[in-house]
Amino acid sequence: KQDLLDVPVGPDLVDRLETVHTVLYLLFNEGYYSTHDSELIRRNLCSEAIRLTTLICNHPTCGRPTTRALLALMSFHAARFDARVDDRGEIVLLEEQDRSLWDGAQIAQGLRLLEQASQSNEVSAYHLEAAIAAHHCTANNFHDTDWQGILNLYDLLIGLKPSPVYQLNRAIVLAKVKGPVAGIEEVEQLQDEGSLKDYHLLDATLGQLHVDAGDTASAREAFLRARSKTSSAKEHALLDRKLESLN
């Protein structure tokens, strides 16, 4: 029987590698969207995920297009580390980030990896997520982002791998393309389905869309619901700022 530490071949490699990709993706996400109450980003986890994914990319058998797409995705996200928190360690949303703080070398690496990952017929969720991140990283500013291009990618992503979180992200982008009311309708549909009923970012998203639509009463209710669903001090501080802005 093959040892679990041996590199498998053929179909066994694909199955085993997919599991490894998932673990590394989860490791990076725990660092990038830390569940730790006092830490927004745990860079040590992200760095370890990038290091391990790089090792796999450099392996002659395991360095497949999906692996490179995953590493490209990590590179794009890691490029924005310094802009995601302010001097007090508080959350800075994408729209408000100082893009001069983004790491150009990391973005360039992500673009190279994504190009390499695209030189085959293989398309994974990591390819599409990385392409979405590339749109954000290469836009001159938030408002000039190619929102329609990102919306098209989310449609492909949801078709490939249905997920309520992807649908929530798509609703945010839809609001940029068609206006906040269209986004609210999509989020409220997700809310009715109940799959994200405990997910504070659904309510936070709904709150911001109501702000954009000029409905401060509904925005306040949504932000308060979001606040009750997270124990993160950083998230509380952000939501408190949102609530204060309604006054």
C-alpha atoms as a PDB file:
ATOM      1  CA  LYS A   1       0.000   0.000   0.000  1.00  0.00           C
ATOM      2  CA  GLN A   2       1.321   3.420  -0.934  1.00  0.00           C
ATOM      3  CA  ASP A   3       2.604   5.509   1.957  1.00  0.00           C
ATOM      4  CA  LEU A   4       0.554   8.657   2.579  1.00  0.00           C
ATOM      5  CA  LEU A   5       3.737  10.724   2.376  1.00  0.00           C
ATOM      6  CA  ASP A   6       4.602   9.439  -1.089  1.00  0.00           C
ATOM      7  CA  VAL A   7       3.656  11.603  -4.060  1.00  0.00           C
ATOM      8  CA  PRO A   8       0.876   9.683  -5.846  1.00  0.00           C
ATOM      9  CA  VAL A   9       0.527   9.400  -9.612  1.00  0.00           C
ATOM     10  CA  GLY A  10      -2.363   9.527 -12.066  1.00  0.00           C
ATOM     11  CA  PRO A  11      -5.880  10.051 -10.716  1.00  0.00           C
ATOM     12  CA  ASP A  12      -4.627   9.569  -7.165  1.00  0.00           C
ATOM     13  CA  LEU A  13      -2.468  12.686  -7.513  1.00  0.00           C
ATOM     14  CA  VAL A  14      -5.442  14.848  -8.537  1.00  0.00           C
ATOM     15  CA  ASP A  15      -7.567  13.668  -5.601  1.00  0.00           C
ATOM     16  CA  ARG A  16      -4.776  14.043  -3.044  1.00  0.00           C
ATOM     17  CA  LEU A  17      -3.652  17.414  -4.412  1.00  0.00           C
ATOM     18  CA  GLU A  18      -7.182  18.803  -4.269  1.00  0.00           C
ATOM     19  CA  THR A  19      -7.281  18.034  -0.544  1.00  0.00           C
ATOM     20  CA  VAL A  20      -3.893  19.692  -0.017  1.00  0.00           C
ATOM     21  CA  HIS A  21      -5.081  22.781  -1.910  1.00  0.00           C
ATOM     22  CA  THR A  22      -8.159  23.011   0.312  1.00  0.00           C
ATOM     23  CA  VAL A  23      -6.092  22.798   3.496  1.00  0.00           C
ATOM     24  CA  LEU A  24      -3.663  25.478   2.308  1.00  0.00           C
ATOM     25  CA  TYR A  25      -6.525  27.707   1.188  1.00  0.00           C
ATOM     26  CA  LEU A  26      -8.167  27.400   4.609  1.00  0.00           C
ATOM     27  CA  LEU A  27      -4.853  28.075   6.350  1.00  0.00           C
ATOM     28  CA  PHE A  28      -4.329  31.253   4.357  1.00  0.00           C
ATOM     29  CA  ASN A  29      -7.906  32.401   4.925  1.00  0.00           C
ATOM     30  CA  GLU A  30      -7.606  31.916   8.677  1.00  0.00           C
ATOM     31  CA  GLY A  31      -4.627  34.246   8.549  1.00  0.00           C
ATOM     32  CA  TYR A  32      -6.244  36.747   6.188  1.00  0.00           C
ATOM     33  CA  TYR A  33      -9.664  36.807   7.876  1.00  0.00           C
ATOM     34  CA  SER A  34      -8.540  35.858  11.368  1.00  0.00           C
ATOM     35  CA  THR A  35     -11.166  34.505  13.763  1.00  0.00           C
ATOM     36  CA  HIS A  36      -8.933  35.609  16.648  1.00  0.00           C
ATOM     37  CA  ASP A  37     -10.745  38.269  18.670  1.00  0.00           C
ATOM     38  CA  SER A  38      -7.849  40.748  18.790  1.00  0.00           C
ATOM     39  CA  GLU A  39      -6.038  40.092  15.495  1.00  0.00           C
ATOM     40  CA  LEU A  40      -7.371  41.087  12.105  1.00  0.00           C
ATOM     41  CA  ILE A  41      -4.531  39.494  10.140  1.00  0.00           C
ATOM     42  CA  ARG A  42      -2.285  36.645  11.287  1.00  0.00           C
ATOM     43  CA  ARG A  43       0.567  37.063   8.843  1.00  0.00           C
ATOM     44  CA  ASN A  44       2.460  34.052  10.168  1.00  0.00           C
ATOM     45  CA  LEU A  45      -0.343  31.755   8.978  1.00  0.00           C
ATOM     46  CA  CYS A  46      -0.532  33.464   5.590  1.00  0.00           C
ATOM     47  CA  SER A  47       3.244  33.268   5.168  1.00  0.00           C
ATOM     48  CA  GLU A  48       3.281  29.579   6.010  1.00  0.00           C
ATOM     49  CA  ALA A  49       0.467  28.884   3.538  1.00  0.00           C
ATOM     50  CA  ILE A  50       2.370  30.774   0.829  1.00  0.00           C
ATOM     51  CA  ARG A  51       5.617  28.944   1.677  1.00  0.00           C
ATOM     52  CA  LEU A  52       3.993  25.510   1.455  1.00  0.00           C
ATOM     53  CA  THR A  53       2.088  26.346  -1.729  1.00  0.00           C
ATOM     54  CA  THR A  54       5.323  27.605  -3.294  1.00  0.00           C
ATOM     55  CA  LEU A  55       7.011  24.290  -2.457  1.00  0.00           C
ATOM     56  CA  ILE A  56       4.221  22.417  -4.201  1.00  0.00           C
ATOM     57  CA  CYS A  57       4.399  24.757  -7.204  1.00  0.00           C
ATOM     58  CA  ASN A  58       8.110  24.055  -7.553  1.00  0.00           C
ATOM     59  CA  HIS A  59       7.604  20.278  -7.394  1.00  0.00           C
ATOM     60  CA  PRO A  60       7.923  18.724 -10.877  1.00  0.00           C
ATOM     61  CA  THR A  61       4.790  16.614 -10.435  1.00  0.00           C
ATOM     62  CA  CYS A  62       2.587  18.755  -8.201  1.00  0.00           C
ATOM     63  CA  GLY A  63       3.135  22.171  -9.793  1.00  0.00           C
ATOM     64  CA  ARG A  64      -0.126  22.046 -11.696  1.00  0.00           C
ATOM     65  CA  PRO A  65      -2.158  24.990 -13.063  1.00  0.00           C
ATOM     66  CA  THR A  66      -4.557  24.888 -10.103  1.00  0.00           C
ATOM     67  CA  THR A  67      -1.645  25.090  -7.666  1.00  0.00           C
ATOM     68  CA  ARG A  68      -0.302  28.151  -9.470  1.00  0.00           C
ATOM     69  CA  ALA A  69      -3.756  29.745  -9.490  1.00  0.00           C
ATOM     70  CA  LEU A  70      -3.995  29.220  -5.733  1.00  0.00           C
ATOM     71  CA  LEU A  71      -0.584  30.809  -5.195  1.00  0.00           C
ATOM     72  CA  ALA A  72      -1.574  33.712  -7.463  1.00  0.00           C
ATOM     73  CA  LEU A  73      -4.669  34.267  -5.320  1.00  0.00           C
ATOM     74  CA  MET A  74      -2.580  34.278  -2.143  1.00  0.00           C
ATOM     75  CA  SER A  75      -0.111  36.712  -3.717  1.00  0.00           C
ATOM     76  CA  PHE A  76      -2.838  39.202  -4.663  1.00  0.00           C
ATOM     77  CA  HIS A  77      -4.322  39.124  -1.168  1.00  0.00           C
ATOM     78  CA  ALA A  78      -0.930  39.328   0.568  1.00  0.00           C
ATOM     79  CA  ALA A  79      -0.069  42.390  -1.539  1.00  0.00           C
ATOM     80  CA  ARG A  80      -2.777  44.365   0.297  1.00  0.00           C
ATOM     81  CA  PHE A  81      -1.728  43.507   3.878  1.00  0.00           C
ATOM     82  CA  ASP A  82      -0.259  46.908   4.778  1.00  0.00           C
ATOM     83  CA  ALA A  83      -3.349  48.782   3.587  1.00  0.00           C
ATOM     84  CA  ARG A  84      -5.945  46.606   5.352  1.00  0.00           C
ATOM     85  CA  VAL A  85      -5.334  48.108   8.807  1.00  0.00           C
ATOM     86  CA  ASP A  86      -4.608  51.649   9.939  1.00  0.00           C
ATOM     87  CA  ASP A  87      -2.053  52.866  12.483  1.00  0.00           C
ATOM     88  CA  ARG A  88      -4.396  51.871  15.319  1.00  0.00           C
ATOM     89  CA  GLY A  89      -4.900  48.386  13.930  1.00  0.00           C
ATOM     90  CA  GLU A  90      -8.455  49.134  12.819  1.00  0.00           C
ATOM     91  CA  ILE A  91     -10.025  47.677   9.662  1.00  0.00           C
ATOM     92  CA  VAL A  92      -9.670  49.703   6.463  1.00  0.00           C
ATOM     93  CA  LEU A  93     -12.193  48.674   3.816  1.00  0.00           C
ATOM     94  CA  LEU A  94     -11.108  48.211   0.198  1.00  0.00           C
ATOM     95  CA  GLU A  95     -12.744  51.435  -0.953  1.00  0.00           C
ATOM     96  CA  GLU A  96     -10.745  53.438   1.602  1.00  0.00           C
ATOM     97  CA  GLN A  97      -7.375  51.707   1.264  1.00  0.00           C
ATOM     98  CA  ASP A  98      -4.255  53.650   0.296  1.00  0.00           C
ATOM     99  CA  ARG A  99      -3.245  51.778  -2.845  1.00  0.00           C
ATOM    100  CA  SER A 100       0.272  53.172  -2.683  1.00  0.00           C
ATOM    101  CA  LEU A 101       0.757  50.774   0.241  1.00  0.00           C
ATOM    102  CA  TRP A 102      -0.029  47.747  -1.910  1.00  0.00           C
ATOM    103  CA  ASP A 103       3.017  45.601  -2.706  1.00  0.00           C
ATOM    104  CA  GLY A 104       3.659  45.953  -6.435  1.00  0.00           C
ATOM    105  CA  ALA A 105       6.112  43.049  -6.502  1.00  0.00           C
ATOM    106  CA  GLN A 106       3.528  40.713  -4.979  1.00  0.00           C
ATOM    107  CA  ILE A 107       0.921  41.857  -7.491  1.00  0.00           C
ATOM    108  CA  ALA A 108       3.356  41.299 -10.374  1.00  0.00           C
ATOM    109  CA  GLN A 109       4.097  37.818  -9.049  1.00  0.00           C
ATOM    110  CA  GLY A 110       0.382  37.087  -8.843  1.00  0.00           C
ATOM    111  CA  LEU A 111      -0.104  38.185 -12.457  1.00  0.00           C
ATOM    112  CA  ARG A 112       2.775  35.973 -13.648  1.00  0.00           C
ATOM    113  CA  LEU A 113       1.409  32.976 -11.755  1.00  0.00           C
ATOM    114  CA  LEU A 114      -2.103  33.536 -13.052  1.00  0.00           C
ATOM    115  CA  GLU A 115      -0.800  33.735 -16.621  1.00  0.00           C
ATOM    116  CA  GLN A 116       1.095  30.462 -16.119  1.00  0.00           C
ATOM    117  CA  ALA A 117      -1.974  28.866 -14.538  1.00  0.00           C
ATOM    118  CA  SER A 118      -4.069  29.870 -17.547  1.00  0.00           C
ATOM    119  CA  GLN A 119      -1.885  28.104 -20.124  1.00  0.00           C
ATOM    120  CA  SER A 120      -4.058  24.990 -20.106  1.00  0.00           C
ATOM    121  CA  ASN A 121      -7.714  24.020 -20.352  1.00  0.00           C
ATOM    122  CA  GLU A 122      -7.872  23.496 -16.600  1.00  0.00           C
ATOM    123  CA  VAL A 123     -10.149  25.990 -14.836  1.00  0.00           C
ATOM    124  CA  SER A 124     -10.726  25.862 -11.090  1.00  0.00           C
ATOM    125  CA  ALA A 125     -12.391  28.078  -8.504  1.00  0.00           C
ATOM    126  CA  TYR A 126      -8.884  29.294  -7.643  1.00  0.00           C
ATOM    127  CA  HIS A 127      -8.408  30.495 -11.225  1.00  0.00           C
ATOM    128  CA  LEU A 128     -11.613  32.533 -11.069  1.00  0.00           C
ATOM    129  CA  GLU A 129     -10.990  33.883  -7.550  1.00  0.00           C
ATOM    130  CA  ALA A 130      -7.483  34.906  -8.586  1.00  0.00           C
ATOM    131  CA  ALA A 131      -8.844  36.625 -11.707  1.00  0.00           C
ATOM    132  CA  ILE A 132     -11.294  38.578  -9.529  1.00  0.00           C
ATOM    133  CA  ALA A 133      -8.473  39.586  -7.165  1.00  0.00           C
ATOM    134  CA  ALA A 134      -6.368  40.610 -10.175  1.00  0.00           C
ATOM    135  CA  HIS A 135      -9.117  43.015 -11.303  1.00  0.00           C
ATOM    136  CA  HIS A 136      -9.042  44.676  -7.888  1.00  0.00           C
ATOM    137  CA  CYS A 137      -5.236  44.818  -7.745  1.00  0.00           C
ATOM    138  CA  THR A 138      -4.803  46.340 -11.195  1.00  0.00           C
ATOM    139  CA  ALA A 139      -7.566  48.966 -11.003  1.00  0.00           C
ATOM    140  CA  ASN A 140      -6.337  52.543 -10.734  1.00  0.00           C
ATOM    141  CA  ASN A 141      -8.865  53.209  -7.993  1.00  0.00           C
ATOM    142  CA  PHE A 142     -11.963  51.692  -6.425  1.00  0.00           C
ATOM    143  CA  HIS A 143     -14.480  53.470  -8.640  1.00  0.00           C
ATOM    144  CA  ASP A 144     -12.631  52.641 -11.877  1.00  0.00           C
ATOM    145  CA  THR A 145     -12.645  48.914 -11.080  1.00  0.00           C
ATOM    146  CA  ASP A 146     -14.041  46.731 -13.883  1.00  0.00           C
ATOM    147  CA  TRP A 147     -17.153  45.743 -11.917  1.00  0.00           C
ATOM    148  CA  GLN A 148     -18.865  44.192 -14.926  1.00  0.00           C
ATOM    149  CA  GLY A 149     -15.826  42.011 -15.576  1.00  0.00           C
ATOM    150  CA  ILE A 150     -15.833  40.905 -11.933  1.00  0.00           C
ATOM    151  CA  LEU A 151     -19.582  40.205 -12.092  1.00  0.00           C
ATOM    152  CA  ASN A 152     -19.018  37.963 -15.111  1.00  0.00           C
ATOM    153  CA  LEU A 153     -16.329  36.073 -13.208  1.00  0.00           C
ATOM    154  CA  TYR A 154     -18.628  35.575 -10.218  1.00  0.00           C
ATOM    155  CA  ASP A 155     -21.273  34.133 -12.547  1.00  0.00           C
ATOM    156  CA  LEU A 156     -18.699  31.629 -13.805  1.00  0.00           C
ATOM    157  CA  LEU A 157     -17.505  30.900 -10.268  1.00  0.00           C
ATOM    158  CA  ILE A 158     -21.000  30.219  -8.948  1.00  0.00           C
ATOM    159  CA  GLY A 159     -21.712  28.018 -11.964  1.00  0.00           C
ATOM    160  CA  LEU A 160     -18.560  26.029 -11.240  1.00  0.00           C
ATOM    161  CA  LYS A 161     -18.833  25.931  -7.452  1.00  0.00           C
ATOM    162  CA  PRO A 162     -22.151  27.147  -5.988  1.00  0.00           C
ATOM    163  CA  SER A 163     -21.669  28.889  -2.643  1.00  0.00           C
ATOM    164  CA  PRO A 164     -23.801  31.351  -0.641  1.00  0.00           C
ATOM    165  CA  VAL A 165     -20.663  33.341   0.228  1.00  0.00           C
ATOM    166  CA  TYR A 166     -19.864  33.704  -3.481  1.00  0.00           C
ATOM    167  CA  GLN A 167     -23.476  34.785  -4.021  1.00  0.00           C
ATOM    168  CA  LEU A 168     -23.124  37.424  -1.305  1.00  0.00           C
ATOM    169  CA  ASN A 169     -19.948  38.744  -2.909  1.00  0.00           C
ATOM    170  CA  ARG A 170     -21.707  38.752  -6.272  1.00  0.00           C
ATOM    171  CA  ALA A 171     -24.533  40.849  -4.792  1.00  0.00           C
ATOM    172  CA  ILE A 172     -21.996  43.472  -3.699  1.00  0.00           C
ATOM    173  CA  VAL A 173     -20.587  43.634  -7.214  1.00  0.00           C
ATOM    174  CA  LEU A 174     -24.069  43.643  -8.753  1.00  0.00           C
ATOM    175  CA  ALA A 175     -24.832  46.751  -6.701  1.00  0.00           C
ATOM    176  CA  LYS A 176     -21.818  48.457  -8.284  1.00  0.00           C
ATOM    177  CA  VAL A 177     -23.111  47.603 -11.751  1.00  0.00           C
ATOM    178  CA  LYS A 178     -26.891  48.044 -11.375  1.00  0.00           C
ATOM    179  CA  GLY A 179     -27.295  50.076  -8.191  1.00  0.00           C
ATOM    180  CA  PRO A 180     -27.854  49.325  -4.493  1.00  0.00           C
ATOM    181  CA  VAL A 181     -31.492  48.240  -4.852  1.00  0.00           C
ATOM    182  CA  ALA A 182     -30.462  45.348  -7.111  1.00  0.00           C
ATOM    183  CA  GLY A 183     -27.862  44.343  -4.537  1.00  0.00           C
ATOM    184  CA  ILE A 184     -30.366  44.565  -1.671  1.00  0.00           C
ATOM    185  CA  GLU A 185     -32.772  42.265  -3.490  1.00  0.00           C
ATOM    186  CA  GLU A 186     -30.046  39.650  -3.949  1.00  0.00           C
ATOM    187  CA  VAL A 187     -28.898  39.835  -0.310  1.00  0.00           C
ATOM    188  CA  GLU A 188     -32.470  39.670   1.012  1.00  0.00           C
ATOM    189  CA  GLN A 189     -33.034  36.543  -1.075  1.00  0.00           C
ATOM    190  CA  LEU A 190     -29.978  34.972   0.556  1.00  0.00           C
ATOM    191  CA  GLN A 191     -31.287  36.123   3.926  1.00  0.00           C
ATOM    192  CA  ASP A 192     -34.614  34.383   3.266  1.00  0.00           C
ATOM    193  CA  GLU A 193     -32.848  31.164   2.282  1.00  0.00           C
ATOM    194  CA  GLY A 194     -31.213  31.129   5.719  1.00  0.00           C
ATOM    195  CA  SER A 195     -27.876  29.548   4.762  1.00  0.00           C
ATOM    196  CA  LEU A 196     -25.985  32.615   6.036  1.00  0.00           C
ATOM    197  CA  LYS A 197     -28.301  33.479   8.942  1.00  0.00           C
ATOM    198  CA  ASP A 198     -25.409  33.569  11.445  1.00  0.00           C
ATOM    199  CA  TYR A 199     -22.941  35.245   9.076  1.00  0.00           C
ATOM    200  CA  HIS A 200     -22.429  38.807  10.270  1.00  0.00           C
ATOM    201  CA  LEU A 201     -21.052  39.967   6.925  1.00  0.00           C
ATOM    202  CA  LEU A 202     -24.432  39.365   5.279  1.00  0.00           C
ATOM    203  CA  ASP A 203     -26.032  41.899   7.622  1.00  0.00           C
ATOM    204  CA  ALA A 204     -23.062  44.273   7.356  1.00  0.00           C
ATOM    205  CA  THR A 205     -23.324  44.129   3.567  1.00  0.00           C
ATOM    206  CA  LEU A 206     -27.063  44.733   3.693  1.00  0.00           C
ATOM    207  CA  GLY A 207     -26.475  47.690   6.009  1.00  0.00           C
ATOM    208  CA  GLN A 208     -24.031  49.329   3.606  1.00  0.00           C
ATOM    209  CA  LEU A 209     -26.350  48.767   0.647  1.00  0.00           C
ATOM    210  CA  HIS A 210     -29.178  50.442   2.559  1.00  0.00           C
ATOM    211  CA  VAL A 211     -26.827  53.369   3.288  1.00  0.00           C
ATOM    212  CA  ASP A 212     -26.080  53.624  -0.433  1.00  0.00           C
ATOM    213  CA  ALA A 213     -29.823  53.530  -1.153  1.00  0.00           C
ATOM    214  CA  GLY A 214     -30.501  56.288   1.410  1.00  0.00           C
ATOM    215  CA  ASP A 215     -32.434  54.119   3.885  1.00  0.00           C
ATOM    216  CA  THR A 216     -30.681  54.881   7.183  1.00  0.00           C
ATOM    217  CA  ALA A 217     -33.308  53.204   9.378  1.00  0.00           C
ATOM    218  CA  SER A 218     -32.883  49.843   7.628  1.00  0.00           C
ATOM    219  CA  ALA A 219     -29.121  50.345   7.590  1.00  0.00           C
ATOM    220  CA  ARG A 220     -29.057  50.828  11.355  1.00  0.00           C
ATOM    221  CA  GLU A 221     -31.073  47.640  11.948  1.00  0.00           C
ATOM    222  CA  ALA A 222     -28.748  45.651   9.693  1.00  0.00           C
ATOM    223  CA  PHE A 223     -25.551  46.984  11.295  1.00  0.00           C
ATOM    224  CA  LEU A 224     -26.906  46.196  14.772  1.00  0.00           C
ATOM    225  CA  ARG A 225     -27.729  42.633  13.680  1.00  0.00           C
ATOM    226  CA  ALA A 226     -24.227  42.291  12.261  1.00  0.00           C
ATOM    227  CA  ARG A 227     -22.700  43.539  15.507  1.00  0.00           C
ATOM    228  CA  SER A 228     -24.621  40.954  17.522  1.00  0.00           C
ATOM    229  CA  LYS A 229     -23.282  38.114  15.361  1.00  0.00           C
ATOM    230  CA  THR A 230     -19.551  38.690  15.802  1.00  0.00           C
ATOM    231  CA  SER A 231     -17.312  38.710  18.856  1.00  0.00           C
ATOM    232  CA  SER A 232     -14.418  40.418  17.049  1.00  0.00           C
ATOM    233  CA  ALA A 233     -13.409  43.684  18.683  1.00  0.00           C
ATOM    234  CA  LYS A 234     -12.115  44.924  15.315  1.00  0.00           C
ATOM    235  CA  GLU A 235     -15.423  44.169  13.608  1.00  0.00           C
ATOM    236  CA  HIS A 236     -17.297  45.854  16.478  1.00  0.00           C
ATOM    237  CA  ALA A 237     -15.185  48.984  16.059  1.00  0.00           C
ATOM    238  CA  LEU A 238     -15.889  49.087  12.309  1.00  0.00           C
ATOM    239  CA  LEU A 239     -19.617  48.579  12.787  1.00  0.00           C
ATOM    240  CA  ASP A 240     -19.690  51.222  15.515  1.00  0.00           C
ATOM    241  CA  ARG A 241     -18.125  53.670  13.082  1.00  0.00           C
ATOM    242  CA  LYS A 242     -20.799  52.749  10.531  1.00  0.00           C
ATOM    243  CA  LEU A 243     -23.542  53.322  13.102  1.00  0.00           C
ATOM    244  CA  GLU A 244     -22.061  56.640  14.193  1.00  0.00           C
ATOM    245  CA  SER A 245     -21.938  57.818  10.586  1.00  0.00           C
ATOM    246  CA  LEU A 246     -25.715  57.380  10.370  1.00  0.00           C
ATOM    247  CA  ASN A 247     -26.174  60.080  12.995  1.00  0.00           C
END
